[in-house]
Amino acid sequence: MSEVSKNRNVIITKKSREKLVKARAGAITLPRIVGMAFGDGGIDSDGNVISPAEEQIELANELYRKAINGYTFPADTTCRYECTLTESELAGEVISEVGLYDEDGDIVCIKTFTGKGKDDDMEQTYALDDIF
């Protein structure tokens, strides 16, 4: 069961699925996931989480991009990507959406969630599982 089917606030973008099918056929080499994008457009004015759409090619309101710290394989069909924001990165912002992006700069996965405030005296680490 994919992460998409378990959580309506996580999607694999159409662009990502197009790349996957072409890579499986051997028509292209699949670009690596290299970073995480952070935004504040994952909630509406009342604080309700907005479900992302598979047709999205960007976050609703991207604020920052950063290279991932790394990845692990907690299960045979799962890759967990992690990215840590330092104390000064996005200080004072409320983060409510993250996306993984590949070497081409394309957003391949988007997750929305309730707003998380980011203080200037703490780090925050975000993890996003890619599950097949």
N, C-alpha and C. Protein backbone atom coordinates (compact mmCIF):
# COMPACT_ATOMS: atom_id res chain seq x y z
N MET A 1 0.85 -1.18 0.00
CA MET A 1 0.00 0.00 0.00
C MET A 1 0.89 1.23 0.00
N SER A 2 0.66 2.13 -0.92
CA SER A 2 1.50 3.33 -1.00
C SER A 2 1.08 4.35 0.05
N GLU A 3 2.00 5.27 0.35
CA GLU A 3 1.72 6.34 1.30
C GLU A 3 0.51 7.14 0.84
N VAL A 4 0.34 7.29 -0.46
CA VAL A 4 -0.78 8.07 -1.00
C VAL A 4 -2.10 7.45 -0.57
N SER A 5 -2.21 6.13 -0.64
CA SER A 5 -3.48 5.49 -0.30
C SER A 5 -3.74 5.48 1.20
N LYS A 6 -2.71 5.64 2.01
CA LYS A 6 -2.90 5.66 3.46
C LYS A 6 -3.18 7.07 3.99
N ASN A 7 -2.80 8.10 3.26
CA ASN A 7 -2.90 9.46 3.78
C ASN A 7 -3.28 10.40 2.64
N ARG A 8 -4.44 11.02 2.74
CA ARG A 8 -4.89 11.89 1.66
C ARG A 8 -4.12 13.21 1.59
N ASN A 9 -3.26 13.45 2.57
CA ASN A 9 -2.47 14.68 2.56
C ASN A 9 -1.05 14.47 2.04
N VAL A 10 -0.82 13.32 1.40
CA VAL A 10 0.45 13.03 0.75
C VAL A 10 0.15 12.57 -0.66
N ILE A 11 0.84 13.16 -1.64
CA ILE A 11 0.65 12.73 -3.02
C ILE A 11 2.00 12.56 -3.71
N ILE A 12 2.03 11.65 -4.64
CA ILE A 12 3.12 11.54 -5.58
C ILE A 12 2.65 12.33 -6.80
N THR A 13 3.43 13.29 -7.23
CA THR A 13 2.98 14.16 -8.32
C THR A 13 2.88 13.39 -9.64
N LYS A 14 2.06 13.91 -10.53
CA LYS A 14 1.93 13.32 -11.86
C LYS A 14 3.27 13.33 -12.58
N LYS A 15 4.03 14.41 -12.41
CA LYS A 15 5.35 14.51 -13.03
C LYS A 15 6.25 13.37 -12.56
N SER A 16 6.19 13.04 -11.29
CA SER A 16 6.98 11.94 -10.75
C SER A 16 6.55 10.62 -11.36
N ARG A 17 5.26 10.39 -11.45
CA ARG A 17 4.76 9.13 -12.02
C ARG A 17 5.14 9.01 -13.49
N GLU A 18 5.14 10.13 -14.23
CA GLU A 18 5.59 10.11 -15.63
C GLU A 18 7.05 9.67 -15.72
N LYS A 19 7.89 10.21 -14.83
CA LYS A 19 9.30 9.84 -14.82
C LYS A 19 9.48 8.37 -14.44
N LEU A 20 8.72 7.89 -13.47
CA LEU A 20 8.82 6.50 -13.04
C LEU A 20 8.50 5.53 -14.18
N VAL A 21 7.42 5.79 -14.91
CA VAL A 21 7.03 4.88 -15.97
C VAL A 21 8.05 4.90 -17.11
N LYS A 22 8.60 6.06 -17.42
CA LYS A 22 9.61 6.14 -18.47
C LYS A 22 10.91 5.45 -18.04
N ALA A 23 11.27 5.58 -16.76
CA ALA A 23 12.48 4.93 -16.26
C ALA A 23 12.32 3.41 -16.26
N ARG A 24 11.15 2.92 -15.90
CA ARG A 24 10.91 1.48 -15.91
C ARG A 24 11.02 0.91 -17.32
N ALA A 25 10.66 1.69 -18.31
CA ALA A 25 10.75 1.24 -19.70
C ALA A 25 12.17 1.38 -20.25
N GLY A 26 13.02 2.11 -19.53
CA GLY A 26 14.39 2.32 -19.99
C GLY A 26 14.54 3.54 -20.88
N ALA A 27 13.50 4.34 -21.00
CA ALA A 27 13.54 5.53 -21.85
C ALA A 27 14.35 6.67 -21.22
N ILE A 28 14.40 6.71 -19.87
CA ILE A 28 15.16 7.74 -19.16
C ILE A 28 15.82 7.09 -17.94
N THR A 29 16.76 7.79 -17.36
CA THR A 29 17.32 7.42 -16.06
C THR A 29 16.61 8.28 -15.03
N LEU A 30 16.10 7.65 -14.00
CA LEU A 30 15.34 8.38 -12.97
C LEU A 30 16.26 9.29 -12.17
N PRO A 31 15.96 10.59 -12.12
CA PRO A 31 16.80 11.51 -11.34
C PRO A 31 16.67 11.23 -9.84
N ARG A 32 17.78 11.36 -9.12
CA ARG A 32 17.79 11.14 -7.67
C ARG A 32 17.00 12.23 -6.95
N ILE A 33 16.46 11.87 -5.79
CA ILE A 33 15.88 12.86 -4.87
C ILE A 33 17.06 13.55 -4.19
N VAL A 34 17.09 14.88 -4.26
CA VAL A 34 18.24 15.60 -3.69
C VAL A 34 17.86 16.60 -2.60
N GLY A 35 16.59 16.97 -2.49
CA GLY A 35 16.26 17.98 -1.50
C GLY A 35 14.81 18.00 -1.09
N MET A 36 14.55 18.88 -0.13
CA MET A 36 13.21 19.06 0.39
C MET A 36 12.86 20.55 0.29
N ALA A 37 11.64 20.81 -0.16
CA ALA A 37 11.13 22.17 -0.24
C ALA A 37 10.16 22.37 0.93
N PHE A 38 10.16 23.56 1.49
CA PHE A 38 9.31 23.88 2.63
C PHE A 38 8.41 25.06 2.28
N GLY A 39 7.16 25.00 2.74
CA GLY A 39 6.24 26.08 2.46
C GLY A 39 5.21 26.27 3.55
N ASP A 40 4.42 27.33 3.39
CA ASP A 40 3.36 27.63 4.36
C ASP A 40 1.97 27.62 3.74
N GLY A 41 1.83 26.97 2.58
CA GLY A 41 0.55 26.95 1.88
C GLY A 41 -0.25 25.68 2.05
N GLY A 42 0.04 24.89 3.08
CA GLY A 42 -0.66 23.63 3.28
C GLY A 42 -1.92 23.72 4.11
N ILE A 43 -2.24 24.92 4.59
CA ILE A 43 -3.46 25.11 5.39
C ILE A 43 -4.23 26.32 4.87
N ASP A 44 -5.54 26.31 5.14
CA ASP A 44 -6.36 27.45 4.75
C ASP A 44 -6.36 28.50 5.86
N SER A 45 -7.11 29.56 5.70
CA SER A 45 -7.11 30.67 6.66
C SER A 45 -7.65 30.27 8.03
N ASP A 46 -8.39 29.16 8.10
CA ASP A 46 -8.90 28.65 9.37
C ASP A 46 -7.99 27.61 9.99
N GLY A 47 -6.87 27.31 9.34
CA GLY A 47 -5.93 26.33 9.86
C GLY A 47 -6.22 24.90 9.46
N ASN A 48 -7.19 24.70 8.55
CA ASN A 48 -7.50 23.36 8.08
C ASN A 48 -6.50 22.93 7.02
N VAL A 49 -6.08 21.67 7.08
CA VAL A 49 -5.11 21.15 6.13
C VAL A 49 -5.76 21.00 4.76
N ILE A 50 -5.06 21.48 3.74
CA ILE A 50 -5.52 21.39 2.35
C ILE A 50 -4.82 20.20 1.71
N SER A 51 -5.60 19.30 1.13
CA SER A 51 -5.01 18.15 0.45
C SER A 51 -4.32 18.61 -0.83
N PRO A 52 -3.09 18.16 -1.07
CA PRO A 52 -2.41 18.52 -2.32
C PRO A 52 -3.03 17.77 -3.50
N ALA A 53 -2.82 18.28 -4.69
CA ALA A 53 -3.33 17.66 -5.92
C ALA A 53 -2.18 17.06 -6.70
N GLU A 54 -2.40 15.89 -7.31
CA GLU A 54 -1.33 15.23 -8.05
C GLU A 54 -0.83 16.04 -9.22
N GLU A 55 -1.64 16.98 -9.73
CA GLU A 55 -1.23 17.82 -10.85
C GLU A 55 -0.30 18.95 -10.44
N GLN A 56 -0.14 19.17 -9.13
CA GLN A 56 0.73 20.25 -8.66
C GLN A 56 2.16 20.02 -9.16
N ILE A 57 2.79 21.10 -9.56
CA ILE A 57 4.20 21.02 -9.96
C ILE A 57 5.07 21.81 -8.99
N GLU A 58 4.42 22.40 -7.99
CA GLU A 58 5.13 23.17 -6.97
C GLU A 58 4.30 23.18 -5.70
N LEU A 59 4.92 23.60 -4.60
CA LEU A 59 4.16 23.76 -3.37
C LEU A 59 3.21 24.95 -3.54
N ALA A 60 2.18 25.00 -2.72
CA ALA A 60 1.22 26.11 -2.81
C ALA A 60 1.91 27.44 -2.53
N ASN A 61 2.84 27.45 -1.56
CA ASN A 61 3.60 28.67 -1.28
C ASN A 61 4.99 28.29 -0.75
N GLU A 62 5.88 28.00 -1.67
CA GLU A 62 7.23 27.57 -1.29
C GLU A 62 8.01 28.73 -0.68
N LEU A 63 8.70 28.43 0.44
CA LEU A 63 9.51 29.42 1.13
C LEU A 63 11.01 29.15 1.01
N TYR A 64 11.39 27.86 0.89
CA TYR A 64 12.80 27.53 1.02
C TYR A 64 13.06 26.12 0.48
N ARG A 65 14.23 25.91 -0.08
CA ARG A 65 14.68 24.58 -0.51
C ARG A 65 16.02 24.28 0.15
N LYS A 66 16.19 23.01 0.48
CA LYS A 66 17.45 22.61 1.12
C LYS A 66 17.75 21.16 0.74
N ALA A 67 19.04 20.88 0.56
CA ALA A 67 19.47 19.51 0.27
C ALA A 67 19.12 18.61 1.45
N ILE A 68 18.75 17.36 1.15
CA ILE A 68 18.42 16.42 2.21
C ILE A 68 19.69 16.07 2.99
N ASN A 69 19.50 15.69 4.26
CA ASN A 69 20.62 15.21 5.09
C ASN A 69 21.05 13.84 4.61
N GLY A 70 20.07 13.06 4.19
CA GLY A 70 20.34 11.69 3.78
C GLY A 70 19.06 10.90 3.74
N TYR A 71 19.21 9.59 3.64
CA TYR A 71 18.05 8.70 3.58
C TYR A 71 18.41 7.37 4.21
N THR A 72 17.38 6.66 4.64
CA THR A 72 17.52 5.32 5.19
C THR A 72 16.44 4.44 4.56
N PHE A 73 16.59 3.14 4.75
CA PHE A 73 15.60 2.17 4.28
C PHE A 73 15.05 1.42 5.48
N PRO A 74 14.00 1.98 6.13
CA PRO A 74 13.45 1.31 7.31
C PRO A 74 12.71 0.01 6.99
N ALA A 75 12.37 -0.21 5.73
CA ALA A 75 11.74 -1.45 5.27
C ALA A 75 12.19 -1.67 3.83
N ASP A 76 11.99 -2.88 3.34
CA ASP A 76 12.43 -3.23 1.98
C ASP A 76 11.84 -2.32 0.90
N THR A 77 10.64 -1.83 1.10
CA THR A 77 9.97 -1.02 0.08
C THR A 77 9.73 0.42 0.52
N THR A 78 10.56 0.88 1.48
CA THR A 78 10.41 2.24 1.99
C THR A 78 11.76 2.94 2.04
N CYS A 79 11.78 4.17 1.52
CA CYS A 79 12.95 5.04 1.66
C CYS A 79 12.51 6.26 2.45
N ARG A 80 13.22 6.54 3.54
CA ARG A 80 12.91 7.71 4.39
C ARG A 80 13.95 8.79 4.14
N TYR A 81 13.48 9.93 3.64
CA TYR A 81 14.34 11.09 3.39
C TYR A 81 14.23 12.04 4.58
N GLU A 82 15.36 12.58 5.02
CA GLU A 82 15.36 13.51 6.15
C GLU A 82 16.07 14.80 5.78
N CYS A 83 15.57 15.89 6.34
CA CYS A 83 16.15 17.21 6.12
C CYS A 83 15.99 18.02 7.40
N THR A 84 17.08 18.62 7.84
CA THR A 84 17.06 19.40 9.08
C THR A 84 17.21 20.88 8.78
N LEU A 85 16.29 21.66 9.33
CA LEU A 85 16.40 23.12 9.27
C LEU A 85 17.19 23.58 10.48
N THR A 86 18.21 24.40 10.27
CA THR A 86 19.00 24.92 11.39
C THR A 86 18.21 26.00 12.11
N GLU A 87 18.77 26.49 13.20
CA GLU A 87 18.09 27.50 14.01
C GLU A 87 17.65 28.71 13.19
N SER A 88 18.52 29.18 12.31
CA SER A 88 18.23 30.40 11.57
C SER A 88 17.35 30.19 10.33
N GLU A 89 17.28 28.97 9.83
CA GLU A 89 16.52 28.72 8.60
C GLU A 89 15.02 28.72 8.89
N LEU A 90 14.30 29.58 8.19
CA LEU A 90 12.84 29.75 8.30
C LEU A 90 12.38 30.14 9.70
N ALA A 91 13.26 30.80 10.47
CA ALA A 91 12.89 31.26 11.81
C ALA A 91 11.69 32.19 11.73
N GLY A 92 10.71 31.96 12.57
CA GLY A 92 9.51 32.78 12.63
C GLY A 92 8.42 32.36 11.65
N GLU A 93 8.70 31.38 10.82
CA GLU A 93 7.71 30.91 9.84
C GLU A 93 6.87 29.77 10.41
N VAL A 94 5.72 29.55 9.81
CA VAL A 94 4.86 28.42 10.14
C VAL A 94 4.85 27.51 8.91
N ILE A 95 5.43 26.36 9.05
CA ILE A 95 5.58 25.42 7.94
C ILE A 95 4.39 24.47 7.93
N SER A 96 3.74 24.32 6.77
CA SER A 96 2.58 23.44 6.67
C SER A 96 2.59 22.57 5.42
N GLU A 97 3.69 22.60 4.68
CA GLU A 97 3.82 21.73 3.50
C GLU A 97 5.30 21.50 3.23
N VAL A 98 5.60 20.28 2.80
CA VAL A 98 6.95 19.93 2.38
C VAL A 98 6.83 19.13 1.08
N GLY A 99 7.88 19.20 0.31
CA GLY A 99 7.93 18.43 -0.93
C GLY A 99 9.33 17.92 -1.17
N LEU A 100 9.42 16.75 -1.75
CA LEU A 100 10.71 16.24 -2.19
C LEU A 100 10.94 16.71 -3.62
N TYR A 101 12.18 17.09 -3.93
CA TYR A 101 12.49 17.44 -5.31
C TYR A 101 13.69 16.65 -5.78
N ASP A 102 13.73 16.45 -7.11
CA ASP A 102 14.78 15.63 -7.71
C ASP A 102 15.88 16.50 -8.32
N GLU A 103 16.86 15.84 -8.93
CA GLU A 103 17.99 16.54 -9.53
C GLU A 103 17.59 17.52 -10.62
N ASP A 104 16.42 17.29 -11.23
CA ASP A 104 15.91 18.21 -12.25
C ASP A 104 15.22 19.42 -11.63
N GLY A 105 15.04 19.42 -10.31
CA GLY A 105 14.33 20.50 -9.62
C GLY A 105 12.83 20.29 -9.57
N ASP A 106 12.35 19.15 -10.06
CA ASP A 106 10.91 18.86 -10.07
C ASP A 106 10.45 18.34 -8.73
N ILE A 107 9.33 18.87 -8.26
CA ILE A 107 8.68 18.37 -7.04
C ILE A 107 8.06 17.02 -7.39
N VAL A 108 8.41 15.99 -6.64
CA VAL A 108 7.92 14.64 -6.94
C VAL A 108 6.95 14.11 -5.89
N CYS A 109 6.91 14.74 -4.74
CA CYS A 109 6.03 14.31 -3.65
C CYS A 109 5.70 15.54 -2.82
N ILE A 110 4.45 15.63 -2.38
CA ILE A 110 4.03 16.75 -1.53
C ILE A 110 3.25 16.21 -0.34
N LYS A 111 3.56 16.75 0.84
CA LYS A 111 2.81 16.43 2.05
C LYS A 111 2.37 17.73 2.70
N THR A 112 1.10 17.80 3.09
CA THR A 112 0.57 18.95 3.82
C THR A 112 0.19 18.50 5.23
N PHE A 113 0.21 19.44 6.17
CA PHE A 113 -0.04 19.12 7.58
C PHE A 113 -0.35 20.39 8.35
N THR A 114 -0.79 20.25 9.60
CA THR A 114 -1.07 21.42 10.41
C THR A 114 0.21 22.23 10.57
N GLY A 115 0.07 23.53 10.71
CA GLY A 115 1.22 24.42 10.78
C GLY A 115 2.13 24.14 11.95
N LYS A 116 3.44 24.11 11.67
CA LYS A 116 4.47 23.90 12.69
C LYS A 116 5.30 25.18 12.77
N GLY A 117 5.23 25.86 13.91
CA GLY A 117 6.02 27.07 14.10
C GLY A 117 7.49 26.75 14.20
N LYS A 118 8.31 27.64 13.66
CA LYS A 118 9.77 27.44 13.66
C LYS A 118 10.42 28.58 14.42
N ASP A 119 10.91 28.30 15.62
CA ASP A 119 11.60 29.29 16.44
C ASP A 119 13.05 29.42 15.99
N ASP A 120 13.69 30.53 16.39
CA ASP A 120 15.07 30.79 15.96
C ASP A 120 16.11 30.17 16.90
N ASP A 121 15.66 29.41 17.90
CA ASP A 121 16.60 28.79 18.83
C ASP A 121 16.53 27.26 18.80
N MET A 122 15.97 26.73 17.71
CA MET A 122 15.84 25.28 17.63
C MET A 122 15.98 24.79 16.20
N GLU A 123 16.43 23.54 16.07
CA GLU A 123 16.45 22.87 14.78
C GLU A 123 15.15 22.09 14.63
N GLN A 124 14.75 21.84 13.40
CA GLN A 124 13.62 20.96 13.12
C GLN A 124 14.04 19.99 12.04
N THR A 125 13.79 18.71 12.27
CA THR A 125 14.08 17.69 11.27
C THR A 125 12.77 17.14 10.73
N TYR A 126 12.67 17.11 9.42
CA TYR A 126 11.49 16.59 8.74
C TYR A 126 11.87 15.29 8.06
N ALA A 127 10.99 14.32 8.14
CA ALA A 127 11.18 13.02 7.49
C ALA A 127 9.99 12.74 6.61
N LEU A 128 10.24 12.24 5.42
CA LEU A 128 9.18 11.91 4.48
C LEU A 128 9.49 10.53 3.90
N ASP A 129 8.53 9.61 4.06
CA ASP A 129 8.69 8.24 3.59
C ASP A 129 8.18 8.07 2.18
N ASP A 130 8.97 7.46 1.35
CA ASP A 130 8.58 7.07 0.00
C ASP A 130 8.32 5.56 0.08
N ILE A 131 7.03 5.18 0.00
CA ILE A 131 6.63 3.79 0.24
C ILE A 131 6.05 3.19 -1.02
N PHE A 132 6.52 2.00 -1.36
CA PHE A 132 5.99 1.26 -2.51
C PHE A 132 5.38 -0.03 -2.03
